[in-house]
Amino acid sequence: MKKKYINGNLILLILFILITNSFLYLFQLQSNYIANKLIRSDVQREIQLIFQRLNNRLDILKNTALITCKECD
């Protein structure tokens, strides 16, 4: 009866593939995390700009309302 042995090079190849895949997966997770943080900061900047514009418009409306009220007196 012949014994079947697994070739050592095959085991090394499988280990190499598993290790490189795990590193690539971790790198992809990290890059997605960084990308999400960047997107979130960009969205936060956009939201801040929108609120600044709204506050500016409210100030303009408030000032025009004060001017018209002073003119009414």
N, C-alpha and C. Protein backbone atom coordinates (compact mmCIF):
# COMPACT_ATOMS: atom_id res chain seq x y z
N MET A 1 0.84 -1.17 0.00
CA MET A 1 0.00 0.00 0.00
C MET A 1 0.89 1.25 0.00
N LYS A 2 0.63 2.15 -0.95
CA LYS A 2 1.43 3.36 -1.05
C LYS A 2 0.85 4.43 -0.14
N LYS A 3 1.73 5.13 0.56
CA LYS A 3 1.30 6.27 1.37
C LYS A 3 1.35 7.51 0.50
N LYS A 4 0.32 8.34 0.64
CA LYS A 4 0.27 9.57 -0.12
C LYS A 4 0.78 10.70 0.77
N TYR A 5 1.79 11.39 0.31
CA TYR A 5 2.34 12.52 1.03
C TYR A 5 1.97 13.81 0.29
N ILE A 6 1.65 14.82 1.08
CA ILE A 6 1.39 16.13 0.47
C ILE A 6 2.72 16.82 0.28
N ASN A 7 2.90 17.36 -0.88
CA ASN A 7 4.14 18.04 -1.21
C ASN A 7 4.31 19.28 -0.32
N GLY A 8 5.50 19.49 0.23
CA GLY A 8 5.77 20.64 1.10
C GLY A 8 5.64 21.96 0.37
N ASN A 9 5.99 21.97 -0.91
CA ASN A 9 5.86 23.20 -1.69
C ASN A 9 4.40 23.60 -1.85
N LEU A 10 3.52 22.61 -1.96
CA LEU A 10 2.09 22.90 -2.06
C LEU A 10 1.58 23.53 -0.77
N ILE A 11 2.03 23.01 0.37
CA ILE A 11 1.62 23.58 1.66
C ILE A 11 2.13 25.01 1.78
N LEU A 12 3.39 25.23 1.40
CA LEU A 12 3.94 26.59 1.45
C LEU A 12 3.19 27.54 0.52
N LEU A 13 2.80 27.05 -0.65
CA LEU A 13 2.04 27.88 -1.58
C LEU A 13 0.68 28.25 -1.00
N ILE A 14 0.01 27.27 -0.40
CA ILE A 14 -1.30 27.53 0.21
C ILE A 14 -1.16 28.52 1.36
N LEU A 15 -0.15 28.35 2.21
CA LEU A 15 0.08 29.30 3.31
C LEU A 15 0.39 30.70 2.79
N PHE A 16 1.20 30.78 1.75
CA PHE A 16 1.52 32.08 1.16
C PHE A 16 0.27 32.77 0.63
N ILE A 17 -0.58 32.00 -0.05
CA ILE A 17 -1.82 32.58 -0.59
C ILE A 17 -2.73 33.04 0.54
N LEU A 18 -2.87 32.24 1.58
CA LEU A 18 -3.72 32.63 2.71
C LEU A 18 -3.19 33.88 3.41
N ILE A 19 -1.89 33.94 3.62
CA ILE A 19 -1.31 35.10 4.31
C ILE A 19 -1.44 36.36 3.46
N THR A 20 -1.14 36.26 2.17
CA THR A 20 -1.26 37.45 1.32
C THR A 20 -2.71 37.91 1.21
N ASN A 21 -3.65 36.96 1.14
CA ASN A 21 -5.06 37.34 1.09
C ASN A 21 -5.49 38.03 2.37
N SER A 22 -5.00 37.55 3.51
CA SER A 22 -5.38 38.19 4.77
C SER A 22 -4.79 39.59 4.86
N PHE A 23 -3.54 39.77 4.39
CA PHE A 23 -2.95 41.11 4.40
C PHE A 23 -3.70 42.04 3.45
N LEU A 24 -4.06 41.54 2.29
CA LEU A 24 -4.81 42.36 1.35
C LEU A 24 -6.18 42.74 1.91
N TYR A 25 -6.81 41.80 2.60
CA TYR A 25 -8.11 42.08 3.21
C TYR A 25 -7.97 43.14 4.29
N LEU A 26 -6.94 43.02 5.14
CA LEU A 26 -6.72 44.02 6.19
C LEU A 26 -6.41 45.38 5.59
N PHE A 27 -5.61 45.40 4.53
CA PHE A 27 -5.29 46.67 3.87
C PHE A 27 -6.55 47.29 3.28
N GLN A 28 -7.41 46.47 2.70
CA GLN A 28 -8.66 46.98 2.13
C GLN A 28 -9.56 47.53 3.22
N LEU A 29 -9.64 46.85 4.37
CA LEU A 29 -10.44 47.35 5.48
C LEU A 29 -9.91 48.69 5.97
N GLN A 30 -8.59 48.80 6.10
CA GLN A 30 -8.00 50.04 6.58
C GLN A 30 -8.22 51.17 5.59
N SER A 31 -8.07 50.90 4.30
CA SER A 31 -8.27 51.95 3.31
C SER A 31 -9.74 52.37 3.25
N ASN A 32 -10.66 51.42 3.42
CA ASN A 32 -12.08 51.78 3.47
C ASN A 32 -12.38 52.63 4.69
N TYR A 33 -11.75 52.30 5.82
CA TYR A 33 -11.96 53.08 7.05
C TYR A 33 -11.46 54.51 6.86
N ILE A 34 -10.27 54.64 6.27
CA ILE A 34 -9.71 55.97 6.03
C ILE A 34 -10.58 56.73 5.03
N ALA A 35 -11.04 56.05 4.00
CA ALA A 35 -11.90 56.70 3.00
C ALA A 35 -13.20 57.16 3.64
N ASN A 36 -13.78 56.33 4.51
CA ASN A 36 -15.01 56.72 5.19
C ASN A 36 -14.79 57.92 6.09
N LYS A 37 -13.64 57.97 6.76
CA LYS A 37 -13.35 59.13 7.60
C LYS A 37 -13.21 60.38 6.76
N LEU A 38 -12.56 60.26 5.60
CA LEU A 38 -12.40 61.41 4.73
C LEU A 38 -13.74 61.88 4.19
N ILE A 39 -14.57 60.92 3.79
CA ILE A 39 -15.90 61.28 3.28
C ILE A 39 -16.71 61.95 4.38
N ARG A 40 -16.62 61.41 5.58
CA ARG A 40 -17.36 62.01 6.68
C ARG A 40 -16.89 63.42 6.95
N SER A 41 -15.59 63.67 6.90
CA SER A 41 -15.10 65.02 7.15
C SER A 41 -15.54 65.96 6.03
N ASP A 42 -15.56 65.46 4.79
CA ASP A 42 -16.05 66.29 3.68
C ASP A 42 -17.53 66.60 3.86
N VAL A 43 -18.29 65.62 4.28
CA VAL A 43 -19.72 65.84 4.50
C VAL A 43 -19.91 66.82 5.65
N GLN A 44 -19.10 66.68 6.70
CA GLN A 44 -19.20 67.61 7.82
C GLN A 44 -18.89 69.03 7.36
N ARG A 45 -17.89 69.19 6.50
CA ARG A 45 -17.57 70.52 5.98
C ARG A 45 -18.73 71.09 5.18
N GLU A 46 -19.33 70.24 4.36
CA GLU A 46 -20.48 70.70 3.56
C GLU A 46 -21.63 71.12 4.46
N ILE A 47 -21.89 70.34 5.50
CA ILE A 47 -22.97 70.68 6.43
C ILE A 47 -22.66 71.99 7.14
N GLN A 48 -21.40 72.17 7.56
CA GLN A 48 -21.03 73.43 8.20
C GLN A 48 -21.21 74.61 7.26
N LEU A 49 -20.83 74.43 6.00
CA LEU A 49 -21.01 75.51 5.02
C LEU A 49 -22.49 75.83 4.81
N ILE A 50 -23.32 74.80 4.77
CA ILE A 50 -24.76 75.02 4.59
C ILE A 50 -25.32 75.80 5.77
N PHE A 51 -24.93 75.42 7.00
CA PHE A 51 -25.43 76.14 8.17
C PHE A 51 -24.89 77.56 8.23
N GLN A 52 -23.65 77.78 7.80
CA GLN A 52 -23.12 79.15 7.75
C GLN A 52 -23.91 79.99 6.76
N ARG A 53 -24.23 79.41 5.61
CA ARG A 53 -25.03 80.15 4.62
C ARG A 53 -26.42 80.47 5.16
N LEU A 54 -27.03 79.49 5.84
CA LEU A 54 -28.34 79.74 6.43
C LEU A 54 -28.28 80.83 7.48
N ASN A 55 -27.25 80.79 8.33
CA ASN A 55 -27.10 81.83 9.35
C ASN A 55 -26.89 83.20 8.72
N ASN A 56 -26.10 83.24 7.65
CA ASN A 56 -25.89 84.52 6.95
C ASN A 56 -27.20 85.04 6.37
N ARG A 57 -27.98 84.17 5.79
CA ARG A 57 -29.26 84.60 5.21
C ARG A 57 -30.23 85.04 6.30
N LEU A 58 -30.22 84.32 7.44
CA LEU A 58 -31.07 84.74 8.55
C LEU A 58 -30.64 86.10 9.09
N ASP A 59 -29.33 86.34 9.16
CA ASP A 59 -28.85 87.65 9.60
C ASP A 59 -29.28 88.74 8.63
N ILE A 60 -29.21 88.45 7.34
CA ILE A 60 -29.64 89.43 6.34
C ILE A 60 -31.12 89.72 6.49
N LEU A 61 -31.92 88.66 6.66
CA LEU A 61 -33.36 88.87 6.85
C LEU A 61 -33.65 89.65 8.13
N LYS A 62 -32.91 89.34 9.19
CA LYS A 62 -33.10 90.05 10.45
C LYS A 62 -32.75 91.52 10.31
N ASN A 63 -31.65 91.80 9.62
CA ASN A 63 -31.24 93.19 9.42
C ASN A 63 -32.24 93.94 8.55
N THR A 64 -32.73 93.30 7.50
CA THR A 64 -33.72 93.98 6.66
C THR A 64 -35.02 94.18 7.43
N ALA A 65 -35.38 93.23 8.28
CA ALA A 65 -36.59 93.41 9.09
C ALA A 65 -36.40 94.56 10.07
N LEU A 66 -35.22 94.69 10.67
CA LEU A 66 -34.97 95.80 11.59
C LEU A 66 -34.99 97.13 10.85
N ILE A 67 -34.44 97.15 9.64
CA ILE A 67 -34.44 98.39 8.86
C ILE A 67 -35.86 98.78 8.50
N THR A 68 -36.67 97.82 8.08
CA THR A 68 -38.05 98.15 7.71
C THR A 68 -38.85 98.55 8.94
N CYS A 69 -38.57 97.96 10.10
CA CYS A 69 -39.28 98.36 11.31
C CYS A 69 -38.89 99.78 11.71
N LYS A 70 -37.63 100.15 11.54
CA LYS A 70 -37.19 101.51 11.87
C LYS A 70 -37.82 102.50 10.91
N GLU A 71 -37.99 102.09 9.65
CA GLU A 71 -38.61 102.98 8.67
C GLU A 71 -40.09 103.17 8.98
N CYS A 72 -40.74 102.14 9.56
CA CYS A 72 -42.16 102.24 9.88
C CYS A 72 -42.41 103.23 11.01
N ASP A 73 -41.46 103.32 11.93
CA ASP A 73 -41.63 104.23 13.07
C ASP A 73 -41.55 105.64 12.57
